[in-house]
């Protein structure tokens, strides 16, 4: 059975038909969970954030303007949700002093996770500071796992331009992360 096009699904959603959000959910849910899980390394949180993403997509359907594809929009939203989750978790770590140390099962494990979260937040902050075109190309390559040819086709640019943008992004990120 052939899946309906994203455009058809989006039109159903815009028209307020639940059939549209159900089709969107079935088409993209698993890939969104995988993308969030790769960032957070927590299956339950990844599933929760993915479900919230689709609920918000439905409730805010009149405000959503998609400039590329629904898949790209959802992947970007998933990436942002994961990053926001990391940021909120980081803020919660500031309140940790009020908790008795004996409540930690393994303090070293906590410190490693906290350090990892901070490093991951720095990486995402650096990615966010990339020039827009460079960030889009890099995100499509690394987060949406698109080939250079697919990116070039979707953005209407040459493969060489995609290669240059990826190279530029990696060089920039290496420099940024060395500073921090």
N, C-alpha and C. Protein backbone atom coordinates (compact mmCIF):
# COMPACT_ATOMS: atom_id res chain seq x y z
N UNK A 1 0.85 -1.19 0.00
CA UNK A 1 0.00 0.00 0.00
C UNK A 1 0.89 1.25 0.00
N UNK A 2 0.62 2.14 -0.91
CA UNK A 2 1.42 3.35 -1.03
C UNK A 2 0.97 4.39 -0.01
N UNK A 3 1.94 4.99 0.64
CA UNK A 3 1.64 6.02 1.63
C UNK A 3 1.24 7.31 0.91
N UNK A 4 0.31 8.05 1.49
CA UNK A 4 -0.06 9.33 0.88
C UNK A 4 1.12 10.30 0.95
N UNK A 5 1.12 11.25 0.04
CA UNK A 5 2.21 12.23 0.00
C UNK A 5 2.14 13.14 1.22
N UNK A 6 3.28 13.71 1.56
CA UNK A 6 3.33 14.64 2.68
C UNK A 6 2.41 15.83 2.44
N UNK A 7 2.36 16.27 1.20
CA UNK A 7 1.50 17.41 0.87
C UNK A 7 0.03 17.08 1.15
N UNK A 8 -0.38 15.87 0.75
CA UNK A 8 -1.76 15.43 1.00
C UNK A 8 -2.03 15.34 2.51
N UNK A 9 -1.08 14.76 3.22
CA UNK A 9 -1.22 14.63 4.68
C UNK A 9 -1.32 16.01 5.33
N UNK A 10 -0.45 16.92 4.92
CA UNK A 10 -0.45 18.26 5.50
C UNK A 10 -1.76 18.99 5.21
N UNK A 11 -2.30 18.80 4.01
CA UNK A 11 -3.59 19.42 3.68
C UNK A 11 -4.71 18.86 4.56
N UNK A 12 -4.69 17.56 4.82
CA UNK A 12 -5.68 16.97 5.72
C UNK A 12 -5.57 17.58 7.12
N UNK A 13 -4.35 17.72 7.58
CA UNK A 13 -4.12 18.29 8.91
C UNK A 13 -4.60 19.73 8.96
N UNK A 14 -4.24 20.52 7.95
CA UNK A 14 -4.66 21.92 7.89
C UNK A 14 -6.18 22.04 7.88
N UNK A 15 -6.85 21.04 7.26
CA UNK A 15 -8.32 21.04 7.21
C UNK A 15 -8.94 20.51 8.50
N UNK A 16 -8.09 20.16 9.49
CA UNK A 16 -8.58 19.71 10.78
C UNK A 16 -9.03 18.26 10.81
N UNK A 17 -8.57 17.46 9.85
CA UNK A 17 -8.97 16.06 9.79
C UNK A 17 -7.95 15.20 10.53
N UNK A 18 -8.43 14.51 11.57
CA UNK A 18 -7.54 13.68 12.39
C UNK A 18 -6.86 12.59 11.58
N UNK A 19 -7.48 12.19 10.50
CA UNK A 19 -6.88 11.19 9.61
C UNK A 19 -5.48 11.63 9.17
N UNK A 20 -5.31 12.93 8.97
CA UNK A 20 -4.03 13.47 8.54
C UNK A 20 -2.95 13.30 9.59
N UNK A 21 -3.26 13.64 10.84
CA UNK A 21 -2.25 13.52 11.89
C UNK A 21 -1.95 12.05 12.17
N UNK A 22 -2.96 11.19 12.03
CA UNK A 22 -2.73 9.75 12.20
C UNK A 22 -1.77 9.22 11.13
N UNK A 23 -1.97 9.66 9.89
CA UNK A 23 -1.09 9.23 8.80
C UNK A 23 0.33 9.77 9.02
N UNK A 24 0.41 11.02 9.44
CA UNK A 24 1.72 11.62 9.70
C UNK A 24 2.44 10.85 10.82
N UNK A 25 1.70 10.54 11.87
CA UNK A 25 2.26 9.80 13.00
C UNK A 25 2.80 8.45 12.55
N UNK A 26 2.00 7.71 11.80
CA UNK A 26 2.42 6.38 11.35
C UNK A 26 3.59 6.44 10.39
N UNK A 27 3.68 7.51 9.63
CA UNK A 27 4.76 7.64 8.64
C UNK A 27 6.09 8.03 9.29
N UNK A 28 6.06 8.89 10.32
CA UNK A 28 7.29 9.47 10.85
C UNK A 28 7.63 9.13 12.30
N UNK A 29 6.71 8.59 13.06
CA UNK A 29 6.94 8.40 14.49
C UNK A 29 8.22 7.63 14.80
N UNK A 30 8.39 6.48 14.18
CA UNK A 30 9.57 5.65 14.50
C UNK A 30 10.87 6.38 14.21
N UNK A 31 10.94 7.05 13.07
CA UNK A 31 12.19 7.75 12.72
C UNK A 31 12.45 8.92 13.66
N UNK A 32 11.39 9.59 14.12
CA UNK A 32 11.56 10.70 15.06
C UNK A 32 12.05 10.17 16.41
N UNK A 33 11.48 9.07 16.87
CA UNK A 33 11.94 8.47 18.13
C UNK A 33 13.41 8.09 18.03
N UNK A 34 13.80 7.51 16.91
CA UNK A 34 15.21 7.11 16.72
C UNK A 34 16.12 8.33 16.77
N UNK A 35 15.72 9.41 16.10
CA UNK A 35 16.55 10.62 16.08
C UNK A 35 16.71 11.20 17.48
N UNK A 36 15.62 11.28 18.24
CA UNK A 36 15.69 11.82 19.59
C UNK A 36 16.51 10.88 20.49
N UNK A 37 16.30 9.58 20.32
CA UNK A 37 17.03 8.61 21.13
C UNK A 37 18.53 8.70 20.89
N UNK A 38 18.95 8.95 19.65
CA UNK A 38 20.38 9.08 19.35
C UNK A 38 21.01 10.25 20.11
N UNK A 39 20.21 11.26 20.37
CA UNK A 39 20.73 12.43 21.08
C UNK A 39 20.69 12.21 22.59
N UNK A 40 19.56 11.72 23.10
CA UNK A 40 19.36 11.63 24.55
C UNK A 40 19.75 10.27 25.14
N UNK A 41 19.81 9.24 24.29
CA UNK A 41 20.14 7.89 24.74
C UNK A 41 19.17 7.39 25.82
N UNK A 42 17.90 7.76 25.70
CA UNK A 42 16.87 7.31 26.64
C UNK A 42 15.60 7.04 25.84
N UNK A 43 15.24 5.77 25.70
CA UNK A 43 14.12 5.38 24.85
C UNK A 43 12.79 5.98 25.32
N UNK A 44 12.51 5.91 26.62
CA UNK A 44 11.23 6.40 27.13
C UNK A 44 11.08 7.91 26.90
N UNK A 45 12.12 8.65 27.19
CA UNK A 45 12.06 10.10 26.98
C UNK A 45 11.93 10.40 25.49
N UNK A 46 12.63 9.64 24.66
CA UNK A 46 12.53 9.84 23.21
C UNK A 46 11.09 9.62 22.74
N UNK A 47 10.45 8.57 23.23
CA UNK A 47 9.06 8.30 22.86
C UNK A 47 8.13 9.41 23.36
N UNK A 48 8.34 9.85 24.59
CA UNK A 48 7.50 10.92 25.15
C UNK A 48 7.65 12.21 24.35
N UNK A 49 8.88 12.58 24.04
CA UNK A 49 9.11 13.82 23.29
C UNK A 49 8.54 13.72 21.87
N UNK A 50 8.64 12.55 21.27
CA UNK A 50 8.09 12.36 19.92
C UNK A 50 6.56 12.50 19.96
N UNK A 51 5.93 11.91 20.96
CA UNK A 51 4.47 12.04 21.07
C UNK A 51 4.06 13.49 21.29
N UNK A 52 4.81 14.19 22.13
CA UNK A 52 4.53 15.62 22.36
C UNK A 52 4.67 16.41 21.06
N UNK A 53 5.68 16.06 20.28
CA UNK A 53 5.91 16.75 19.01
C UNK A 53 4.67 16.63 18.11
N UNK A 54 4.14 15.41 17.98
CA UNK A 54 2.97 15.20 17.13
C UNK A 54 1.72 15.86 17.71
N UNK A 55 1.57 15.86 19.04
CA UNK A 55 0.43 16.54 19.65
C UNK A 55 0.51 18.04 19.39
N UNK A 56 1.70 18.61 19.55
CA UNK A 56 1.87 20.04 19.28
C UNK A 56 1.65 20.36 17.81
N UNK A 57 2.11 19.48 16.94
CA UNK A 57 1.90 19.68 15.50
C UNK A 57 0.41 19.78 15.21
N UNK A 58 -0.38 18.91 15.86
CA UNK A 58 -1.83 18.92 15.65
C UNK A 58 -2.47 20.18 16.24
N UNK A 59 -2.11 20.52 17.47
CA UNK A 59 -2.77 21.67 18.12
C UNK A 59 -2.34 23.00 17.51
N UNK A 60 -1.15 23.05 16.95
CA UNK A 60 -0.65 24.31 16.36
C UNK A 60 -0.67 24.28 14.84
N UNK A 61 -1.49 23.40 14.27
CA UNK A 61 -1.49 23.20 12.82
C UNK A 61 -1.78 24.47 12.02
N UNK A 62 -2.57 25.39 12.60
CA UNK A 62 -2.89 26.63 11.89
C UNK A 62 -1.72 27.60 11.87
N UNK A 63 -0.77 27.42 12.76
CA UNK A 63 0.37 28.34 12.86
C UNK A 63 1.61 27.82 12.14
N UNK A 64 1.57 26.57 11.70
CA UNK A 64 2.76 25.94 11.12
C UNK A 64 2.91 26.33 9.66
N UNK A 65 4.12 26.79 9.34
CA UNK A 65 4.47 27.10 7.95
C UNK A 65 5.69 26.26 7.60
N UNK A 66 5.50 25.33 6.69
CA UNK A 66 6.60 24.43 6.32
C UNK A 66 7.23 24.94 5.03
N UNK A 67 8.54 25.19 5.10
CA UNK A 67 9.24 25.75 3.95
C UNK A 67 9.97 24.69 3.14
N UNK A 68 10.31 23.56 3.76
CA UNK A 68 10.98 22.49 3.01
C UNK A 68 10.02 21.32 2.89
N UNK A 69 10.25 20.28 3.66
CA UNK A 69 9.35 19.13 3.65
C UNK A 69 8.89 18.86 5.08
N UNK A 70 7.81 18.13 5.20
CA UNK A 70 7.32 17.79 6.54
C UNK A 70 8.38 16.98 7.28
N UNK A 71 9.04 16.08 6.58
CA UNK A 71 10.09 15.27 7.21
C UNK A 71 11.19 16.14 7.78
N UNK A 72 11.63 17.13 7.01
CA UNK A 72 12.67 18.05 7.49
C UNK A 72 12.17 18.85 8.68
N UNK A 73 10.92 19.31 8.59
CA UNK A 73 10.33 20.09 9.68
C UNK A 73 10.27 19.26 10.96
N UNK A 74 9.80 18.01 10.84
CA UNK A 74 9.68 17.15 12.02
C UNK A 74 11.05 16.80 12.59
N UNK A 75 12.02 16.54 11.72
CA UNK A 75 13.37 16.24 12.19
C UNK A 75 13.98 17.43 12.92
N UNK A 76 13.77 18.61 12.39
CA UNK A 76 14.29 19.82 13.03
C UNK A 76 13.59 20.03 14.38
N UNK A 77 12.28 19.81 14.40
CA UNK A 77 11.52 19.94 15.65
C UNK A 77 12.00 18.92 16.68
N UNK A 78 12.28 17.70 16.24
CA UNK A 78 12.77 16.65 17.14
C UNK A 78 14.12 17.05 17.72
N UNK A 79 14.98 17.54 16.86
CA UNK A 79 16.31 18.01 17.28
C UNK A 79 16.18 19.12 18.33
N UNK A 80 15.30 20.09 18.06
CA UNK A 80 15.09 21.20 19.00
C UNK A 80 14.51 20.72 20.32
N UNK A 81 13.58 19.78 20.27
CA UNK A 81 13.00 19.24 21.51
C UNK A 81 14.07 18.53 22.34
N UNK A 82 14.91 17.77 21.68
CA UNK A 82 15.98 17.08 22.41
C UNK A 82 16.92 18.09 23.04
N UNK A 83 17.26 19.12 22.29
CA UNK A 83 18.15 20.16 22.82
C UNK A 83 17.50 20.89 23.98
N UNK A 84 16.22 21.23 23.85
CA UNK A 84 15.51 21.89 24.95
C UNK A 84 15.43 20.99 26.18
N UNK A 85 15.27 19.70 25.95
CA UNK A 85 15.24 18.77 27.08
C UNK A 85 16.59 18.79 27.80
N UNK A 86 17.67 18.79 27.03
CA UNK A 86 19.01 18.84 27.64
C UNK A 86 19.17 20.13 28.42
N UNK A 87 18.72 21.24 27.84
CA UNK A 87 18.82 22.53 28.54
C UNK A 87 18.03 22.51 29.84
N UNK A 88 16.82 21.96 29.81
CA UNK A 88 16.00 21.92 31.03
C UNK A 88 16.63 21.00 32.06
N UNK A 89 17.24 19.93 31.62
CA UNK A 89 17.91 19.01 32.53
C UNK A 89 19.11 19.70 33.15
N UNK A 90 19.81 20.49 32.37
CA UNK A 90 20.96 21.24 32.88
C UNK A 90 20.51 22.21 33.97
N UNK A 91 19.39 22.89 33.75
CA UNK A 91 18.87 23.81 34.76
C UNK A 91 18.50 23.06 36.03
N UNK A 92 17.94 21.88 35.88
CA UNK A 92 17.58 21.10 37.05
C UNK A 92 18.81 20.68 37.85
N UNK A 93 19.95 20.54 37.20
CA UNK A 93 21.18 20.19 37.91
C UNK A 93 21.59 21.29 38.86
N UNK A 94 21.21 22.53 38.59
CA UNK A 94 21.56 23.62 39.49
C UNK A 94 20.86 23.49 40.84
N UNK A 95 19.72 22.83 40.85
CA UNK A 95 18.97 22.64 42.09
C UNK A 95 19.42 21.41 42.86
N UNK A 96 20.37 20.70 42.35
CA UNK A 96 20.77 19.42 42.92
C UNK A 96 21.42 19.57 44.30
N UNK A 97 21.97 20.75 44.60
CA UNK A 97 22.63 20.96 45.88
C UNK A 97 21.68 20.76 47.05
N UNK A 98 20.40 20.98 46.83
CA UNK A 98 19.44 20.85 47.91
C UNK A 98 19.10 19.39 48.21
N UNK A 99 19.58 18.47 47.39
CA UNK A 99 19.29 17.05 47.57
C UNK A 99 20.41 16.41 48.38
N UNK A 100 20.05 15.57 49.29
CA UNK A 100 21.03 14.85 50.11
C UNK A 100 21.88 13.95 49.23
N UNK A 101 23.19 13.98 49.40
CA UNK A 101 24.10 13.19 48.56
C UNK A 101 23.84 11.70 48.66
N UNK A 102 23.30 11.24 49.76
CA UNK A 102 23.05 9.81 49.90
C UNK A 102 21.95 9.33 48.96
N UNK A 103 21.21 10.26 48.39
CA UNK A 103 20.15 9.87 47.46
C UNK A 103 20.71 9.46 46.10
N UNK A 104 21.98 9.77 45.87
CA UNK A 104 22.59 9.36 44.61
C UNK A 104 23.07 7.92 44.73
N UNK A 105 22.68 7.10 43.79
CA UNK A 105 23.13 5.72 43.80
C UNK A 105 24.61 5.67 43.45
N UNK A 106 25.00 6.47 42.49
CA UNK A 106 26.39 6.46 42.07
C UNK A 106 26.76 7.88 41.64
N UNK A 107 27.45 8.59 42.49
CA UNK A 107 27.79 9.99 42.23
C UNK A 107 28.67 10.13 40.98
N UNK A 108 29.60 9.20 40.78
CA UNK A 108 30.46 9.28 39.60
C UNK A 108 29.64 9.19 38.32
N UNK A 109 28.66 8.30 38.33
CA UNK A 109 27.80 8.14 37.16
C UNK A 109 27.04 9.45 36.89
N UNK A 110 26.53 10.06 37.95
CA UNK A 110 25.83 11.33 37.81
C UNK A 110 26.74 12.39 37.21
N UNK A 111 27.97 12.47 37.71
CA UNK A 111 28.90 13.49 37.22
C UNK A 111 29.25 13.24 35.76
N UNK A 112 29.41 11.97 35.37
CA UNK A 112 29.69 11.66 33.97
C UNK A 112 28.52 12.07 33.09
N UNK A 113 27.30 11.75 33.52
CA UNK A 113 26.12 12.13 32.75
C UNK A 113 25.99 13.64 32.67
N UNK A 114 26.23 14.32 33.77
CA UNK A 114 26.14 15.77 33.79
C UNK A 114 27.17 16.38 32.84
N UNK A 115 28.39 15.88 32.88
CA UNK A 115 29.45 16.35 31.99
C UNK A 115 29.08 16.08 30.54
N UNK A 116 28.55 14.89 30.28
CA UNK A 116 28.12 14.54 28.93
C UNK A 116 27.03 15.50 28.44
N UNK A 117 26.04 15.76 29.29
CA UNK A 117 24.96 16.67 28.93
C UNK A 117 25.50 18.07 28.61
N UNK A 118 26.43 18.53 29.42
CA UNK A 118 27.01 19.85 29.18
C UNK A 118 27.78 19.88 27.87
N UNK A 119 28.55 18.83 27.61
CA UNK A 119 29.29 18.76 26.35
C UNK A 119 28.34 18.70 25.17
N UNK A 120 27.30 17.91 25.30
CA UNK A 120 26.33 17.79 24.22
C UNK A 120 25.63 19.12 23.97
N UNK A 121 25.30 19.82 25.04
CA UNK A 121 24.68 21.14 24.90
C UNK A 121 25.63 22.10 24.19
N UNK A 122 26.93 22.02 24.49
CA UNK A 122 27.91 22.87 23.81
C UNK A 122 27.98 22.55 22.32
N UNK A 123 27.92 21.27 21.99
CA UNK A 123 27.93 20.87 20.59
C UNK A 123 26.73 21.46 19.87
N UNK A 124 25.54 21.31 20.46
CA UNK A 124 24.33 21.81 19.81
C UNK A 124 24.32 23.34 19.75
N UNK A 125 24.85 23.98 20.76
CA UNK A 125 24.96 25.44 20.74
C UNK A 125 25.87 25.87 19.59
N UNK A 126 26.96 25.16 19.40
CA UNK A 126 27.88 25.47 18.30
C UNK A 126 27.21 25.23 16.95
N UNK A 127 26.45 24.16 16.85
CA UNK A 127 25.72 23.88 15.60
C UNK A 127 24.73 25.00 15.32
N UNK A 128 24.02 25.44 16.37
CA UNK A 128 23.04 26.52 16.20
C UNK A 128 23.69 27.82 15.75
N UNK A 129 24.97 28.01 16.08
CA UNK A 129 25.64 29.26 15.72
C UNK A 129 26.25 29.23 14.31
N UNK A 130 26.13 28.09 13.62
CA UNK A 130 26.61 28.02 12.24
C UNK A 130 25.79 28.98 11.37
N UNK A 131 26.37 29.49 10.29
CA UNK A 131 25.58 30.28 9.34
C UNK A 131 24.40 29.42 8.85
N UNK A 132 23.29 30.06 8.54
CA UNK A 132 22.04 29.34 8.26
C UNK A 132 22.19 28.26 7.19
N UNK A 133 22.72 28.61 6.01
CA UNK A 133 22.84 27.62 4.94
C UNK A 133 23.73 26.45 5.36
N UNK A 134 24.80 26.77 6.03
CA UNK A 134 25.74 25.77 6.50
C UNK A 134 25.06 24.85 7.52
N UNK A 135 24.30 25.45 8.44
CA UNK A 135 23.60 24.68 9.47
C UNK A 135 22.56 23.75 8.85
N UNK A 136 21.83 24.25 7.86
CA UNK A 136 20.80 23.44 7.21
C UNK A 136 21.43 22.23 6.53
N UNK A 137 22.49 22.48 5.75
CA UNK A 137 23.16 21.39 5.04
C UNK A 137 23.74 20.39 6.05
N UNK A 138 24.39 20.89 7.08
CA UNK A 138 25.00 20.02 8.10
C UNK A 138 23.92 19.19 8.80
N UNK A 139 22.82 19.81 9.18
CA UNK A 139 21.74 19.10 9.88
C UNK A 139 21.12 18.02 8.99
N UNK A 140 20.93 18.36 7.72
CA UNK A 140 20.36 17.37 6.80
C UNK A 140 21.30 16.16 6.67
N UNK A 141 22.58 16.43 6.65
CA UNK A 141 23.57 15.35 6.52
C UNK A 141 23.67 14.53 7.80
N UNK A 142 23.82 15.19 8.93
CA UNK A 142 24.12 14.47 10.17
C UNK A 142 22.88 14.01 10.93
N UNK A 143 21.81 14.80 10.92
CA UNK A 143 20.64 14.45 11.72
C UNK A 143 19.56 13.75 10.90
N UNK A 144 19.45 14.11 9.64
CA UNK A 144 18.45 13.47 8.79
C UNK A 144 19.07 12.36 7.96
N UNK A 145 20.39 12.22 8.07
CA UNK A 145 21.14 11.17 7.40
C UNK A 145 20.90 11.14 5.89
N UNK A 146 20.83 12.31 5.30
CA UNK A 146 20.65 12.42 3.86
C UNK A 146 22.02 12.39 3.19
N UNK A 147 22.07 11.81 2.00
CA UNK A 147 23.32 11.80 1.24
C UNK A 147 23.55 13.20 0.66
N UNK A 148 24.78 13.45 0.25
CA UNK A 148 25.09 14.75 -0.36
C UNK A 148 24.22 14.98 -1.59
N UNK A 149 24.00 13.92 -2.37
CA UNK A 149 23.17 14.05 -3.58
C UNK A 149 21.73 14.41 -3.21
N UNK A 150 21.20 13.78 -2.17
CA UNK A 150 19.83 14.08 -1.74
C UNK A 150 19.71 15.53 -1.26
N UNK A 151 20.71 15.97 -0.51
CA UNK A 151 20.71 17.35 0.00
C UNK A 151 20.77 18.32 -1.17
N UNK A 152 21.67 18.05 -2.11
CA UNK A 152 21.83 18.92 -3.27
C UNK A 152 20.52 19.03 -4.04
N UNK A 153 19.86 17.90 -4.23
CA UNK A 153 18.59 17.90 -4.97
C UNK A 153 17.51 18.68 -4.22
N UNK A 154 17.38 18.42 -2.92
CA UNK A 154 16.33 19.09 -2.14
C UNK A 154 16.54 20.60 -2.06
N UNK A 155 17.79 21.02 -1.95
CA UNK A 155 18.08 22.45 -1.80
C UNK A 155 18.35 23.15 -3.13
N UNK A 156 18.45 22.37 -4.20
CA UNK A 156 18.71 22.96 -5.51
C UNK A 156 20.11 23.53 -5.64
N UNK A 157 21.09 22.84 -5.05
CA UNK A 157 22.48 23.28 -5.12
C UNK A 157 23.32 22.11 -5.63
N UNK A 158 24.57 22.39 -5.95
CA UNK A 158 25.44 21.33 -6.46
C UNK A 158 25.97 20.47 -5.30
N UNK A 159 26.39 19.27 -5.65
CA UNK A 159 26.98 18.37 -4.66
C UNK A 159 28.26 18.99 -4.11
N UNK A 160 29.01 19.67 -4.97
CA UNK A 160 30.25 20.32 -4.53
C UNK A 160 29.94 21.38 -3.47
N UNK A 161 28.85 22.12 -3.64
CA UNK A 161 28.45 23.12 -2.65
C UNK A 161 28.11 22.44 -1.32
N UNK A 162 27.43 21.31 -1.39
CA UNK A 162 27.12 20.55 -0.18
C UNK A 162 28.41 20.13 0.51
N UNK A 163 29.36 19.59 -0.26
CA UNK A 163 30.65 19.17 0.30
C UNK A 163 31.35 20.35 0.97
N UNK A 164 31.34 21.50 0.30
CA UNK A 164 32.00 22.69 0.85
C UNK A 164 31.33 23.15 2.15
N UNK A 165 30.00 23.11 2.19
CA UNK A 165 29.27 23.54 3.38
C UNK A 165 29.54 22.59 4.56
N UNK A 166 29.59 21.29 4.29
CA UNK A 166 29.88 20.31 5.34
C UNK A 166 31.30 20.52 5.86
N UNK A 167 32.24 20.71 4.94
CA UNK A 167 33.63 20.95 5.33
C UNK A 167 33.75 22.21 6.18
N UNK A 168 33.06 23.26 5.74
CA UNK A 168 33.05 24.53 6.48
C UNK A 168 32.46 24.33 7.88
N UNK A 169 31.36 23.59 7.96
CA UNK A 169 30.70 23.34 9.25
C UNK A 169 31.62 22.56 10.19
N UNK A 170 32.25 21.52 9.69
CA UNK A 170 33.12 20.70 10.53
C UNK A 170 34.32 21.50 11.03
N UNK A 171 34.90 22.31 10.16
CA UNK A 171 36.04 23.14 10.56
C UNK A 171 35.61 24.13 11.65
N UNK A 172 34.46 24.77 11.44
CA UNK A 172 33.93 25.73 12.41
C UNK A 172 33.66 25.05 13.76
N UNK A 173 33.02 23.88 13.71
CA UNK A 173 32.68 23.17 14.95
C UNK A 173 33.93 22.73 15.70
N UNK A 174 34.93 22.24 14.98
CA UNK A 174 36.18 21.86 15.64
C UNK A 174 36.80 23.06 16.36
N UNK A 175 36.83 24.20 15.68
CA UNK A 175 37.39 25.41 16.29
C UNK A 175 36.58 25.86 17.50
N UNK A 176 35.27 25.84 17.39
CA UNK A 176 34.40 26.26 18.49
C UNK A 176 34.58 25.35 19.71
N UNK A 177 34.64 24.07 19.47
CA UNK A 177 34.72 23.12 20.58
C UNK A 177 36.10 23.11 21.22
N UNK A 178 37.13 23.49 20.47
CA UNK A 178 38.47 23.63 21.06
C UNK A 178 38.49 24.80 22.04
N UNK A 179 37.76 25.87 21.71
CA UNK A 179 37.71 27.06 22.56
C UNK A 179 37.06 26.74 23.90
N UNK A 180 36.04 25.90 23.86
CA UNK A 180 35.25 25.61 25.06
C UNK A 180 35.86 24.47 25.73
